[in-house]
Amino acid sequence: NFTSSPAFSVFCVLLVAGVVVVHVLHLDVS
């Protein structure tokens, strides 16, 4: 039920955005 909710969709979008930001800003490998 949680994974089919809008809140989880927002969490996934934020997680993917975090991946993009980390790579674009060339942050530390950690």
All heavy atoms as atom14 arrays in JSON, in Angstrom:
{
  "sequence": "NFTSSPAFSVFCVLLVAGVVVVHVLHLDVS",
  "atom14_mask": [
    [1, 1, 1, 1, 1, 1, 1, 1, 0, 0, 0, 0, 0, 0],
    [1, 1, 1, 1, 1, 1, 1, 1, 1, 1, 1, 0, 0, 0],
    [1, 1, 1, 1, 1, 1, 1, 0, 0, 0, 0, 0, 0, 0],
    [1, 1, 1, 1, 1, 1, 0, 0, 0, 0, 0, 0, 0, 0],
    [1, 1, 1, 1, 1, 1, 0, 0, 0, 0, 0, 0, 0, 0],
    [1, 1, 1, 1, 1, 1, 1, 0, 0, 0, 0, 0, 0, 0],
    [1, 1, 1, 1, 1, 0, 0, 0, 0, 0, 0, 0, 0, 0],
    [1, 1, 1, 1, 1, 1, 1, 1, 1, 1, 1, 0, 0, 0],
    [1, 1, 1, 1, 1, 1, 0, 0, 0, 0, 0, 0, 0, 0],
    [1, 1, 1, 1, 1, 1, 1, 0, 0, 0, 0, 0, 0, 0],
    [1, 1, 1, 1, 1, 1, 1, 1, 1, 1, 1, 0, 0, 0],
    [1, 1, 1, 1, 1, 1, 0, 0, 0, 0, 0, 0, 0, 0],
    [1, 1, 1, 1, 1, 1, 1, 0, 0, 0, 0, 0, 0, 0],
    [1, 1, 1, 1, 1, 1, 1, 1, 0, 0, 0, 0, 0, 0],
    [1, 1, 1, 1, 1, 1, 1, 1, 0, 0, 0, 0, 0, 0],
    [1, 1, 1, 1, 1, 1, 1, 0, 0, 0, 0, 0, 0, 0],
    [1, 1, 1, 1, 1, 0, 0, 0, 0, 0, 0, 0, 0, 0],
    [1, 1, 1, 1, 0, 0, 0, 0, 0, 0, 0, 0, 0, 0],
    [1, 1, 1, 1, 1, 1, 1, 0, 0, 0, 0, 0, 0, 0],
    [1, 1, 1, 1, 1, 1, 1, 0, 0, 0, 0, 0, 0, 0],
    [1, 1, 1, 1, 1, 1, 1, 0, 0, 0, 0, 0, 0, 0],
    [1, 1, 1, 1, 1, 1, 1, 0, 0, 0, 0, 0, 0, 0],
    [1, 1, 1, 1, 1, 1, 1, 1, 1, 1, 0, 0, 0, 0],
    [1, 1, 1, 1, 1, 1, 1, 0, 0, 0, 0, 0, 0, 0],
    [1, 1, 1, 1, 1, 1, 1, 1, 0, 0, 0, 0, 0, 0],
    [1, 1, 1, 1, 1, 1, 1, 1, 1, 1, 0, 0, 0, 0],
    [1, 1, 1, 1, 1, 1, 1, 1, 0, 0, 0, 0, 0, 0],
    [1, 1, 1, 1, 1, 1, 1, 1, 0, 0, 0, 0, 0, 0],
    [1, 1, 1, 1, 1, 1, 1, 0, 0, 0, 0, 0, 0, 0],
    [1, 1, 1, 1, 1, 1, 0, 0, 0, 0, 0, 0, 0, 0]
  ],
  "atom14_positions": [
    [[0.83, -1.21, 0.0], [0.0, 0.0, 0.0], [0.86, 1.26, 0.0], [0.55, 2.23, -0.69], [-0.94, 0.0, 1.21], [-2.0, -1.07, 1.11], [-2.3, -1.56, 0.03], [-2.55, -1.45, 2.24], [0.0, 0.0, 0.0], [0.0, 0.0, 0.0], [0.0, 0.0, 0.0], [0.0, 0.0, 0.0], [0.0, 0.0, 0.0], [0.0, 0.0, 0.0]],
    [[1.95, 1.24, 0.78], [2.82, 2.42, 0.85], [3.53, 2.67, -0.48], [3.62, 3.8, -0.95], [3.86, 2.27, 1.96], [4.88, 3.38, 1.97], [4.5, 4.68, 2.29], [6.2, 3.13, 1.64], [5.43, 5.72, 2.28], [7.13, 4.15, 1.62], [6.75, 5.44, 1.96], [0.0, 0.0, 0.0], [0.0, 0.0, 0.0], [0.0, 0.0, 0.0]],
    [[4.03, 1.6, -1.11], [4.77, 1.78, -2.36], [3.89, 2.2, -3.52], [4.39, 2.67, -4.54], [5.55, 0.51, -2.75], [4.65, -0.59, -2.81], [6.65, 0.24, -1.74], [0.0, 0.0, 0.0], [0.0, 0.0, 0.0], [0.0, 0.0, 0.0], [0.0, 0.0, 0.0], [0.0, 0.0, 0.0], [0.0, 0.0, 0.0], [0.0, 0.0, 0.0]],
    [[2.59, 2.04, -3.38], [1.7, 2.51, -4.44], [1.12, 3.89, -4.12], [0.24, 4.37, -4.82], [0.57, 1.51, -4.67], [-0.19, 1.35, -3.5], [0.0, 0.0, 0.0], [0.0, 0.0, 0.0], [0.0, 0.0, 0.0], [0.0, 0.0, 0.0], [0.0, 0.0, 0.0], [0.0, 0.0, 0.0], [0.0, 0.0, 0.0], [0.0, 0.0, 0.0]],
    [[1.65, 4.53, -3.08], [1.14, 5.84, -2.67], [1.92, 6.98, -3.35], [3.05, 6.79, -3.79], [1.25, 6.0, -1.15], [2.6, 6.16, -0.78], [0.0, 0.0, 0.0], [0.0, 0.0, 0.0], [0.0, 0.0, 0.0], [0.0, 0.0, 0.0], [0.0, 0.0, 0.0], [0.0, 0.0, 0.0], [0.0, 0.0, 0.0], [0.0, 0.0, 0.0]],
    [[1.31, 8.15, -3.42], [2.01, 9.32, -3.97], [3.25, 9.69, -3.15], [4.25, 10.14, -3.72], [0.98, 10.44, -3.91], [-0.34, 9.75, -3.85], [-0.1, 8.45, -3.14], [0.0, 0.0, 0.0], [0.0, 0.0, 0.0], [0.0, 0.0, 0.0], [0.0, 0.0, 0.0], [0.0, 0.0, 0.0], [0.0, 0.0, 0.0], [0.0, 0.0, 0.0]],
    [[3.22, 9.47, -1.85], [4.37, 9.8, -1.0], [5.6, 9.0, -1.42], [6.72, 9.53, -1.48], [4.04, 9.54, 0.46], [0.0, 0.0, 0.0], [0.0, 0.0, 0.0], [0.0, 0.0, 0.0], [0.0, 0.0, 0.0], [0.0, 0.0, 0.0], [0.0, 0.0, 0.0], [0.0, 0.0, 0.0], [0.0, 0.0, 0.0], [0.0, 0.0, 0.0]],
    [[5.41, 7.72, -1.73], [6.55, 6.9, -2.15], [7.04, 7.33, -3.52], [8.25, 7.31, -3.78], [6.18, 5.42, -2.14], [7.36, 4.53, -2.44], [8.32, 4.33, -1.47], [7.49, 3.93, -3.67], [9.43, 3.52, -1.73], [8.58, 3.12, -3.93], [9.55, 2.92, -2.97], [0.0, 0.0, 0.0], [0.0, 0.0, 0.0], [0.0, 0.0, 0.0]],
    [[6.13, 7.72, -4.4], [6.54, 8.21, -5.71], [7.4, 9.46, -5.57], [8.42, 9.6, -6.26], [5.31, 8.51, -6.58], [4.6, 7.33, -6.83], [0.0, 0.0, 0.0], [0.0, 0.0, 0.0], [0.0, 0.0, 0.0], [0.0, 0.0, 0.0], [0.0, 0.0, 0.0], [0.0, 0.0, 0.0], [0.0, 0.0, 0.0], [0.0, 0.0, 0.0]],
    [[7.01, 10.35, -4.68], [7.81, 11.55, -4.43], [9.18, 11.17, -3.88], [10.2, 11.72, -4.29], [7.05, 12.51, -3.46], [7.96, 13.62, -2.97], [5.82, 13.07, -4.14], [0.0, 0.0, 0.0], [0.0, 0.0, 0.0], [0.0, 0.0, 0.0], [0.0, 0.0, 0.0], [0.0, 0.0, 0.0], [0.0, 0.0, 0.0], [0.0, 0.0, 0.0]],
    [[9.21, 10.21, -2.95], [10.48, 9.74, -2.39], [11.39, 9.22, -3.5], [12.59, 9.53, -3.53], [10.23, 8.66, -1.35], [11.47, 7.94, -0.92], [12.39, 8.55, -0.07], [11.74, 6.65, -1.37], [13.55, 7.89, 0.32], [12.88, 5.98, -0.98], [13.79, 6.6, -0.14], [0.0, 0.0, 0.0], [0.0, 0.0, 0.0], [0.0, 0.0, 0.0]],
    [[10.85, 8.43, -4.42], [11.65, 7.87, -5.52], [12.17, 8.97, -6.44], [13.33, 8.93, -6.87], [10.83, 6.85, -6.31], [10.56, 5.33, -5.4], [0.0, 0.0, 0.0], [0.0, 0.0, 0.0], [0.0, 0.0, 0.0], [0.0, 0.0, 0.0], [0.0, 0.0, 0.0], [0.0, 0.0, 0.0], [0.0, 0.0, 0.0], [0.0, 0.0, 0.0]],
    [[11.32, 9.95, -6.74], [11.76, 11.06, -7.59], [12.89, 11.83, -6.89], [13.89, 12.19, -7.53], [10.57, 12.0, -7.93], [11.06, 13.29, -8.54], [9.6, 11.28, -8.86], [0.0, 0.0, 0.0], [0.0, 0.0, 0.0], [0.0, 0.0, 0.0], [0.0, 0.0, 0.0], [0.0, 0.0, 0.0], [0.0, 0.0, 0.0], [0.0, 0.0, 0.0]],
    [[12.76, 12.06, -5.59], [13.81, 12.76, -4.84], [15.1, 11.94, -4.81], [16.19, 12.5, -4.9], [13.34, 13.07, -3.42], [12.23, 14.12, -3.3], [11.78, 14.24, -1.85], [12.71, 15.46, -3.84], [0.0, 0.0, 0.0], [0.0, 0.0, 0.0], [0.0, 0.0, 0.0], [0.0, 0.0, 0.0], [0.0, 0.0, 0.0], [0.0, 0.0, 0.0]],
    [[14.98, 10.63, -4.69], [16.16, 9.78, -4.69], [16.88, 9.82, -6.03], [18.11, 9.95, -6.08], [15.76, 8.34, -4.33], [16.88, 7.35, -4.03], [17.74, 7.85, -2.87], [16.29, 5.99, -3.71], [0.0, 0.0, 0.0], [0.0, 0.0, 0.0], [0.0, 0.0, 0.0], [0.0, 0.0, 0.0], [0.0, 0.0, 0.0], [0.0, 0.0, 0.0]],
    [[16.12, 9.76, -7.1], [16.72, 9.86, -8.44], [17.33, 11.24, -8.64], [18.44, 11.38, -9.19], [15.68, 9.53, -9.53], [16.22, 9.85, -10.91], [15.27, 8.07, -9.44], [0.0, 0.0, 0.0], [0.0, 0.0, 0.0], [0.0, 0.0, 0.0], [0.0, 0.0, 0.0], [0.0, 0.0, 0.0], [0.0, 0.0, 0.0], [0.0, 0.0, 0.0]],
    [[16.63, 12.27, -8.18], [17.19, 13.63, -8.28], [18.48, 13.74, -7.48], [19.43, 14.41, -7.91], [16.17, 14.65, -7.78], [0.0, 0.0, 0.0], [0.0, 0.0, 0.0], [0.0, 0.0, 0.0], [0.0, 0.0, 0.0], [0.0, 0.0, 0.0], [0.0, 0.0, 0.0], [0.0, 0.0, 0.0], [0.0, 0.0, 0.0], [0.0, 0.0, 0.0]],
    [[18.54, 13.07, -6.33], [19.76, 13.06, -5.53], [20.92, 12.43, -6.28], [22.05, 12.92, -6.22], [0.0, 0.0, 0.0], [0.0, 0.0, 0.0], [0.0, 0.0, 0.0], [0.0, 0.0, 0.0], [0.0, 0.0, 0.0], [0.0, 0.0, 0.0], [0.0, 0.0, 0.0], [0.0, 0.0, 0.0], [0.0, 0.0, 0.0], [0.0, 0.0, 0.0]],
    [[20.65, 11.35, -7.0], [21.69, 10.71, -7.8], [22.21, 11.68, -8.85], [23.42, 11.83, -9.05], [21.15, 9.42, -8.46], [22.13, 8.88, -9.49], [20.86, 8.37, -7.42], [0.0, 0.0, 0.0], [0.0, 0.0, 0.0], [0.0, 0.0, 0.0], [0.0, 0.0, 0.0], [0.0, 0.0, 0.0], [0.0, 0.0, 0.0], [0.0, 0.0, 0.0]],
    [[21.29, 12.35, -9.53], [21.68, 13.3, -10.58], [22.5, 14.45, -9.98], [23.55, 14.82, -10.52], [20.42, 13.84, -11.31], [20.79, 14.98, -12.25], [19.74, 12.71, -12.07], [0.0, 0.0, 0.0], [0.0, 0.0, 0.0], [0.0, 0.0, 0.0], [0.0, 0.0, 0.0], [0.0, 0.0, 0.0], [0.0, 0.0, 0.0], [0.0, 0.0, 0.0]],
    [[22.04, 14.99, -8.87], [22.75, 16.11, -8.23], [24.15, 15.7, -7.81], [25.12, 16.44, -8.03], [21.94, 16.64, -7.01], [22.78, 17.56, -6.15], [20.69, 17.34, -7.49], [0.0, 0.0, 0.0], [0.0, 0.0, 0.0], [0.0, 0.0, 0.0], [0.0, 0.0, 0.0], [0.0, 0.0, 0.0], [0.0, 0.0, 0.0], [0.0, 0.0, 0.0]],
    [[24.27, 14.53, -7.2], [25.59, 14.06, -6.76], [26.54, 13.94, -7.93], [27.71, 14.32, -7.85], [25.45, 12.72, -6.0], [26.78, 12.02, -5.85], [24.82, 12.96, -4.64], [0.0, 0.0, 0.0], [0.0, 0.0, 0.0], [0.0, 0.0, 0.0], [0.0, 0.0, 0.0], [0.0, 0.0, 0.0], [0.0, 0.0, 0.0], [0.0, 0.0, 0.0]],
    [[26.06, 13.45, -9.07], [26.93, 13.28, -10.24], [27.22, 14.61, -10.93], [28.34, 14.83, -11.39], [26.33, 12.27, -11.22], [26.47, 10.86, -10.76], [27.67, 10.19, -10.75], [25.57, 9.97, -10.25], [27.5, 8.97, -10.28], [26.22, 8.82, -9.96], [0.0, 0.0, 0.0], [0.0, 0.0, 0.0], [0.0, 0.0, 0.0], [0.0, 0.0, 0.0]],
    [[26.22, 15.47, -11.01], [26.42, 16.77, -11.67], [27.39, 17.65, -10.88], [28.24, 18.33, -11.46], [25.06, 17.49, -11.88], [25.26, 18.94, -12.28], [24.24, 16.76, -12.93], [0.0, 0.0, 0.0], [0.0, 0.0, 0.0], [0.0, 0.0, 0.0], [0.0, 0.0, 0.0], [0.0, 0.0, 0.0], [0.0, 0.0, 0.0], [0.0, 0.0, 0.0]],
    [[27.29, 17.62, -9.57], [28.16, 18.45, -8.72], [29.52, 17.79, -8.48], [30.38, 18.39, -7.83], [27.48, 18.73, -7.38], [26.21, 19.56, -7.43], [25.64, 19.75, -6.03], [26.46, 20.91, -8.09], [0.0, 0.0, 0.0], [0.0, 0.0, 0.0], [0.0, 0.0, 0.0], [0.0, 0.0, 0.0], [0.0, 0.0, 0.0], [0.0, 0.0, 0.0]],
    [[29.73, 16.6, -9.01], [31.0, 15.88, -8.85], [31.4, 15.8, -7.39], [32.54, 16.08, -7.01], [32.12, 16.52, -9.68], [31.82, 16.58, -11.14], [31.76, 15.45, -11.93], [31.53, 17.63, -11.95], [31.47, 15.8, -13.16], [31.32, 17.12, -13.21], [0.0, 0.0, 0.0], [0.0, 0.0, 0.0], [0.0, 0.0, 0.0], [0.0, 0.0, 0.0]],
    [[30.44, 15.42, -6.55], [30.7, 15.27, -5.13], [31.63, 14.08, -4.89], [31.89, 13.28, -5.78], [29.39, 15.11, -4.35], [28.46, 16.32, -4.34], [27.22, 16.01, -3.54], [29.16, 17.55, -3.79], [0.0, 0.0, 0.0], [0.0, 0.0, 0.0], [0.0, 0.0, 0.0], [0.0, 0.0, 0.0], [0.0, 0.0, 0.0], [0.0, 0.0, 0.0]],
    [[32.09, 13.97, -3.66], [33.01, 12.91, -3.27], [32.42, 11.54, -3.6], [31.2, 11.35, -3.61], [33.26, 13.03, -1.76], [34.38, 12.11, -1.3], [35.33, 11.9, -2.08], [34.28, 11.6, -0.17], [0.0, 0.0, 0.0], [0.0, 0.0, 0.0], [0.0, 0.0, 0.0], [0.0, 0.0, 0.0], [0.0, 0.0, 0.0], [0.0, 0.0, 0.0]],
    [[33.3, 10.61, -3.86], [32.88, 9.25, -4.23], [32.04, 8.61, -3.12], [31.14, 7.82, -3.4], [34.12, 8.38, -4.55], [33.75, 6.94, -4.78], [34.86, 8.93, -5.74], [0.0, 0.0, 0.0], [0.0, 0.0, 0.0], [0.0, 0.0, 0.0], [0.0, 0.0, 0.0], [0.0, 0.0, 0.0], [0.0, 0.0, 0.0], [0.0, 0.0, 0.0]],
    [[32.31, 8.96, -1.89], [31.53, 8.37, -0.79], [30.05, 8.76, -0.9], [29.17, 7.97, -0.59], [32.1, 8.79, 0.57], [32.03, 10.19, 0.72], [0.0, 0.0, 0.0], [0.0, 0.0, 0.0], [0.0, 0.0, 0.0], [0.0, 0.0, 0.0], [0.0, 0.0, 0.0], [0.0, 0.0, 0.0], [0.0, 0.0, 0.0], [0.0, 0.0, 0.0]]
  ]
}
